[in-house]
Amino acid sequence: MRAVVQRVSEASVTVGDQIVGQIGRGFLVLLGVTHGDGEKEARYLARKIAHLRVFEDDASKMNLALADVGGSVLVVSQFTLYGDARKGRRPGFTDAAPPGVAEPLVARFADLLREEGVPVAEGQFQAVMQVRLCNDGPVTLILDTAQMMR
């Protein structure tokens, strides 16, 4: 699994003219699933994100996690995180898991965050979404279980 984690002061996802997910302070997580990903990767990544200490304390040091600041997570599936643009001008997406595999794993990831005590909002799988955010910092991290779980 691959996640782009952005610390936000607010974020929302709109499908058509309806907001389907919205949070205040917390993380926008763009989440990609690849072949072979499963419960182990989802659990690892959910735990890692729930406890990331990237919010500033009173001394302006990144020492606080979501729970410490009352933060939430907005999870948006994004198969394009596994796009391969090394050749040609149009990326290939063969490294992205098919929707039948990815959709339940994205949902499971969101549930695992909830099990960690994190309030979660979600985008809509396979929809054309408009994602709005105010990146706080900016702070953006790329987490990839293939590299982290070796």
C-alpha atoms as a PDB file:
ATOM      1  CA  MET A   1       0.000   0.000   0.000  1.00  0.00           C
ATOM      2  CA  ARG A   2       1.122   3.498  -0.734  1.00  0.00           C
ATOM      3  CA  ALA A   3      -0.168   6.590   1.032  1.00  0.00           C
ATOM      4  CA  VAL A   4       0.358  10.279   0.546  1.00  0.00           C
ATOM      5  CA  VAL A   5      -0.357  11.797   3.949  1.00  0.00           C
ATOM      6  CA  GLN A   6      -0.991  15.519   4.084  1.00  0.00           C
ATOM      7  CA  ARG A   7      -1.427  17.375   7.350  1.00  0.00           C
ATOM      8  CA  VAL A   8      -4.453  19.607   6.846  1.00  0.00           C
ATOM      9  CA  SER A   9      -6.406  22.261   8.667  1.00  0.00           C
ATOM     10  CA  GLU A  10      -9.436  21.099   6.644  1.00  0.00           C
ATOM     11  CA  ALA A  11     -10.245  18.827   3.707  1.00  0.00           C
ATOM     12  CA  SER A  12     -13.289  17.649   1.803  1.00  0.00           C
ATOM     13  CA  VAL A  13     -14.325  15.418  -1.096  1.00  0.00           C
ATOM     14  CA  THR A  14     -17.170  16.294  -3.418  1.00  0.00           C
ATOM     15  CA  VAL A  15     -18.849  13.991  -5.938  1.00  0.00           C
ATOM     16  CA  GLY A  16     -21.066  15.891  -8.340  1.00  0.00           C
ATOM     17  CA  ASP A  17     -22.418  18.677  -6.186  1.00  0.00           C
ATOM     18  CA  GLN A  18     -22.514  16.711  -2.927  1.00  0.00           C
ATOM     19  CA  ILE A  19     -19.845  16.661  -0.215  1.00  0.00           C
ATOM     20  CA  VAL A  20     -19.314  12.979   0.605  1.00  0.00           C
ATOM     21  CA  GLY A  21     -16.495  13.387   3.145  1.00  0.00           C
ATOM     22  CA  GLN A  22     -15.206  16.293   5.194  1.00  0.00           C
ATOM     23  CA  ILE A  23     -12.833  16.847   8.118  1.00  0.00           C
ATOM     24  CA  GLY A  24     -11.261  19.670  10.053  1.00  0.00           C
ATOM     25  CA  ARG A  25      -7.744  19.340  11.452  1.00  0.00           C
ATOM     26  CA  GLY A  26      -6.011  16.065  10.675  1.00  0.00           C
ATOM     27  CA  PHE A  27      -4.763  14.138   7.651  1.00  0.00           C
ATOM     28  CA  LEU A  28      -5.874  13.767   4.085  1.00  0.00           C
ATOM     29  CA  VAL A  29      -4.703  10.294   3.085  1.00  0.00           C
ATOM     30  CA  LEU A  30      -4.545   9.457  -0.611  1.00  0.00           C
ATOM     31  CA  LEU A  31      -4.347   5.661  -0.605  1.00  0.00           C
ATOM     32  CA  GLY A  32      -3.216   3.297  -3.340  1.00  0.00           C
ATOM     33  CA  VAL A  33      -3.402  -0.499  -3.268  1.00  0.00           C
ATOM     34  CA  THR A  34      -1.127  -2.810  -5.256  1.00  0.00           C
ATOM     35  CA  HIS A  35      -1.073  -6.530  -5.978  1.00  0.00           C
ATOM     36  CA  GLY A  36      -0.374  -8.638  -2.912  1.00  0.00           C
ATOM     37  CA  ASP A  37      -1.546  -6.045  -0.408  1.00  0.00           C
ATOM     38  CA  GLY A  38      -3.786  -7.368   2.337  1.00  0.00           C
ATOM     39  CA  GLU A  39      -4.775  -7.126   5.977  1.00  0.00           C
ATOM     40  CA  LYS A  40      -1.167  -7.023   7.180  1.00  0.00           C
ATOM     41  CA  GLU A  41      -0.302  -3.957   5.089  1.00  0.00           C
ATOM     42  CA  ALA A  42      -3.574  -2.193   5.899  1.00  0.00           C
ATOM     43  CA  ARG A  43      -3.137  -2.759   9.638  1.00  0.00           C
ATOM     44  CA  TYR A  44       0.495  -1.632   9.597  1.00  0.00           C
ATOM     45  CA  LEU A  45      -0.288   1.547   7.663  1.00  0.00           C
ATOM     46  CA  ALA A  46      -3.360   2.428   9.747  1.00  0.00           C
ATOM     47  CA  ARG A  47      -1.402   2.066  12.973  1.00  0.00           C
ATOM     48  CA  LYS A  48       1.513   4.091  11.575  1.00  0.00           C
ATOM     49  CA  ILE A  49      -0.724   6.946  10.400  1.00  0.00           C
ATOM     50  CA  ALA A  50      -2.832   6.989  13.572  1.00  0.00           C
ATOM     51  CA  HIS A  51       0.274   7.520  15.673  1.00  0.00           C
ATOM     52  CA  LEU A  52       2.394   9.767  13.420  1.00  0.00           C
ATOM     53  CA  ARG A  53       3.703  12.619  15.522  1.00  0.00           C
ATOM     54  CA  VAL A  54       3.677  15.507  13.059  1.00  0.00           C
ATOM     55  CA  PHE A  55       1.532  18.053  14.864  1.00  0.00           C
ATOM     56  CA  GLU A  56       3.332  20.792  16.756  1.00  0.00           C
ATOM     57  CA  ASP A  57       3.412  20.977  20.530  1.00  0.00           C
ATOM     58  CA  ASP A  58       3.724  24.146  22.624  1.00  0.00           C
ATOM     59  CA  ALA A  59       7.454  24.275  21.826  1.00  0.00           C
ATOM     60  CA  SER A  60       6.710  24.179  18.051  1.00  0.00           C
ATOM     61  CA  LYS A  61       8.160  20.676  17.744  1.00  0.00           C
ATOM     62  CA  MET A  62       6.426  17.910  15.800  1.00  0.00           C
ATOM     63  CA  ASN A  63       5.572  15.821  18.833  1.00  0.00           C
ATOM     64  CA  LEU A  64       1.810  15.292  18.746  1.00  0.00           C
ATOM     65  CA  ALA A  65      -0.350  12.653  17.053  1.00  0.00           C
ATOM     66  CA  LEU A  66      -3.941  12.793  15.826  1.00  0.00           C
ATOM     67  CA  ALA A  67      -5.389  11.837  19.206  1.00  0.00           C
ATOM     68  CA  ASP A  68      -3.392  14.575  20.928  1.00  0.00           C
ATOM     69  CA  VAL A  69      -4.923  17.283  18.723  1.00  0.00           C
ATOM     70  CA  GLY A  70      -8.406  15.816  18.259  1.00  0.00           C
ATOM     71  CA  GLY A  71      -7.658  15.186  14.590  1.00  0.00           C
ATOM     72  CA  SER A  72      -9.481  13.175  11.942  1.00  0.00           C
ATOM     73  CA  VAL A  73      -8.551  11.444   8.696  1.00  0.00           C
ATOM     74  CA  LEU A  74     -10.118  11.782   5.255  1.00  0.00           C
ATOM     75  CA  VAL A  75      -9.325   8.639   3.230  1.00  0.00           C
ATOM     76  CA  VAL A  76      -9.439   8.919  -0.563  1.00  0.00           C
ATOM     77  CA  SER A  77      -8.623   5.920  -2.747  1.00  0.00           C
ATOM     78  CA  GLN A  78      -6.198   6.799  -5.530  1.00  0.00           C
ATOM     79  CA  PHE A  79      -5.041   4.067  -7.899  1.00  0.00           C
ATOM     80  CA  THR A  80      -2.876   6.606  -9.747  1.00  0.00           C
ATOM     81  CA  LEU A  81      -0.329   6.394  -6.909  1.00  0.00           C
ATOM     82  CA  TYR A  82       0.775   3.212  -8.677  1.00  0.00           C
ATOM     83  CA  GLY A  83       1.057   4.906 -12.072  1.00  0.00           C
ATOM     84  CA  ASP A  84       4.226   4.147 -14.024  1.00  0.00           C
ATOM     85  CA  ALA A  85       5.321   7.015 -16.273  1.00  0.00           C
ATOM     86  CA  ARG A  86       8.851   5.799 -17.032  1.00  0.00           C
ATOM     87  CA  LYS A  87       8.042   5.099 -20.681  1.00  0.00           C
ATOM     88  CA  GLY A  88       6.030   7.167 -23.118  1.00  0.00           C
ATOM     89  CA  ARG A  89       3.734  10.005 -22.190  1.00  0.00           C
ATOM     90  CA  ARG A  90       0.765   8.154 -20.773  1.00  0.00           C
ATOM     91  CA  PRO A  91       1.251   6.342 -17.460  1.00  0.00           C
ATOM     92  CA  GLY A  92       0.406   2.682 -17.088  1.00  0.00           C
ATOM     93  CA  PHE A  93      -1.514   1.446 -14.080  1.00  0.00           C
ATOM     94  CA  THR A  94      -0.817  -2.288 -14.113  1.00  0.00           C
ATOM     95  CA  ASP A  95       0.759  -2.051 -10.642  1.00  0.00           C
ATOM     96  CA  ALA A  96      -2.550  -0.882  -9.149  1.00  0.00           C
ATOM     97  CA  ALA A  97      -4.763  -3.608  -7.707  1.00  0.00           C
ATOM     98  CA  PRO A  98      -8.055  -4.167  -9.555  1.00  0.00           C
ATOM     99  CA  PRO A  99     -11.140  -2.488  -8.059  1.00  0.00           C
ATOM    100  CA  GLY A 100     -12.517  -5.760  -6.661  1.00  0.00           C
ATOM    101  CA  VAL A 101      -9.370  -6.127  -4.552  1.00  0.00           C
ATOM    102  CA  ALA A 102      -8.687  -2.469  -3.790  1.00  0.00           C
ATOM    103  CA  GLU A 103     -12.158  -1.340  -2.695  1.00  0.00           C
ATOM    104  CA  PRO A 104     -12.571  -3.702   0.269  1.00  0.00           C
ATOM    105  CA  LEU A 105      -8.986  -3.077   1.358  1.00  0.00           C
ATOM    106  CA  VAL A 106      -9.448   0.711   1.328  1.00  0.00           C
ATOM    107  CA  ALA A 107     -12.608   0.236   3.396  1.00  0.00           C
ATOM    108  CA  ARG A 108     -10.740  -2.084   5.771  1.00  0.00           C
ATOM    109  CA  PHE A 109      -7.962   0.499   6.146  1.00  0.00           C
ATOM    110  CA  ALA A 110     -10.558   3.110   7.153  1.00  0.00           C
ATOM    111  CA  ASP A 111     -12.076   0.678   9.673  1.00  0.00           C
ATOM    112  CA  LEU A 112      -8.629  -0.060  11.126  1.00  0.00           C
ATOM    113  CA  LEU A 113      -8.061   3.669  11.640  1.00  0.00           C
ATOM    114  CA  ARG A 114     -11.393   3.797  13.477  1.00  0.00           C
ATOM    115  CA  GLU A 115     -10.236   0.876  15.644  1.00  0.00           C
ATOM    116  CA  GLU A 116      -7.227   3.047  16.559  1.00  0.00           C
ATOM    117  CA  GLY A 117      -9.706   5.653  17.818  1.00  0.00           C
ATOM    118  CA  VAL A 118      -9.421   7.995  14.849  1.00  0.00           C
ATOM    119  CA  PRO A 119     -12.548   9.662  13.400  1.00  0.00           C
ATOM    120  CA  VAL A 120     -12.597   8.880   9.655  1.00  0.00           C
ATOM    121  CA  ALA A 121     -14.392  10.329   6.654  1.00  0.00           C
ATOM    122  CA  GLU A 122     -14.086   8.745   3.218  1.00  0.00           C
ATOM    123  CA  GLY A 123     -14.242   9.580  -0.448  1.00  0.00           C
ATOM    124  CA  GLN A 124     -16.316   7.488  -2.863  1.00  0.00           C
ATOM    125  CA  PHE A 125     -14.546   4.597  -4.540  1.00  0.00           C
ATOM    126  CA  GLN A 126     -14.273   4.828  -8.353  1.00  0.00           C
ATOM    127  CA  ALA A 127     -16.047   8.190  -8.466  1.00  0.00           C
ATOM    128  CA  VAL A 128     -14.767  11.350 -10.084  1.00  0.00           C
ATOM    129  CA  MET A 129     -13.984  13.336  -6.965  1.00  0.00           C
ATOM    130  CA  GLN A 130     -13.053  16.928  -6.310  1.00  0.00           C
ATOM    131  CA  VAL A 131     -10.662  16.986  -3.359  1.00  0.00           C
ATOM    132  CA  ARG A 132     -10.175  20.240  -1.515  1.00  0.00           C
ATOM    133  CA  LEU A 133      -7.646  20.740   1.233  1.00  0.00           C
ATOM    134  CA  CYS A 134      -5.685  23.298   3.112  1.00  0.00           C
ATOM    135  CA  ASN A 135      -2.265  21.702   3.619  1.00  0.00           C
ATOM    136  CA  ASP A 136      -1.013  22.780   7.030  1.00  0.00           C
ATOM    137  CA  GLY A 137       2.699  23.519   7.110  1.00  0.00           C
ATOM    138  CA  PRO A 138       2.850  22.261   4.429  1.00  0.00           C
ATOM    139  CA  VAL A 139       3.532  18.786   5.770  1.00  0.00           C
ATOM    140  CA  THR A 140       3.325  15.910   3.283  1.00  0.00           C
ATOM    141  CA  LEU A 141       4.701  12.382   3.735  1.00  0.00           C
ATOM    142  CA  ILE A 142       4.814   9.422   1.383  1.00  0.00           C
ATOM    143  CA  LEU A 143       4.470   6.056   3.138  1.00  0.00           C
ATOM    144  CA  ASP A 144       4.941   2.806   1.226  1.00  0.00           C
ATOM    145  CA  THR A 145       4.526  -0.519   3.000  1.00  0.00           C
ATOM    146  CA  ALA A 146       6.780  -2.230   0.431  1.00  0.00           C
ATOM    147  CA  GLN A 147       9.656  -0.109   1.717  1.00  0.00           C
ATOM    148  CA  MET A 148       8.617   0.140   5.369  1.00  0.00           C
ATOM    149  CA  MET A 149       7.840  -3.506   6.134  1.00  0.00           C
ATOM    150  CA  ARG A 150      11.047  -5.107   4.837  1.00  0.00           C
END
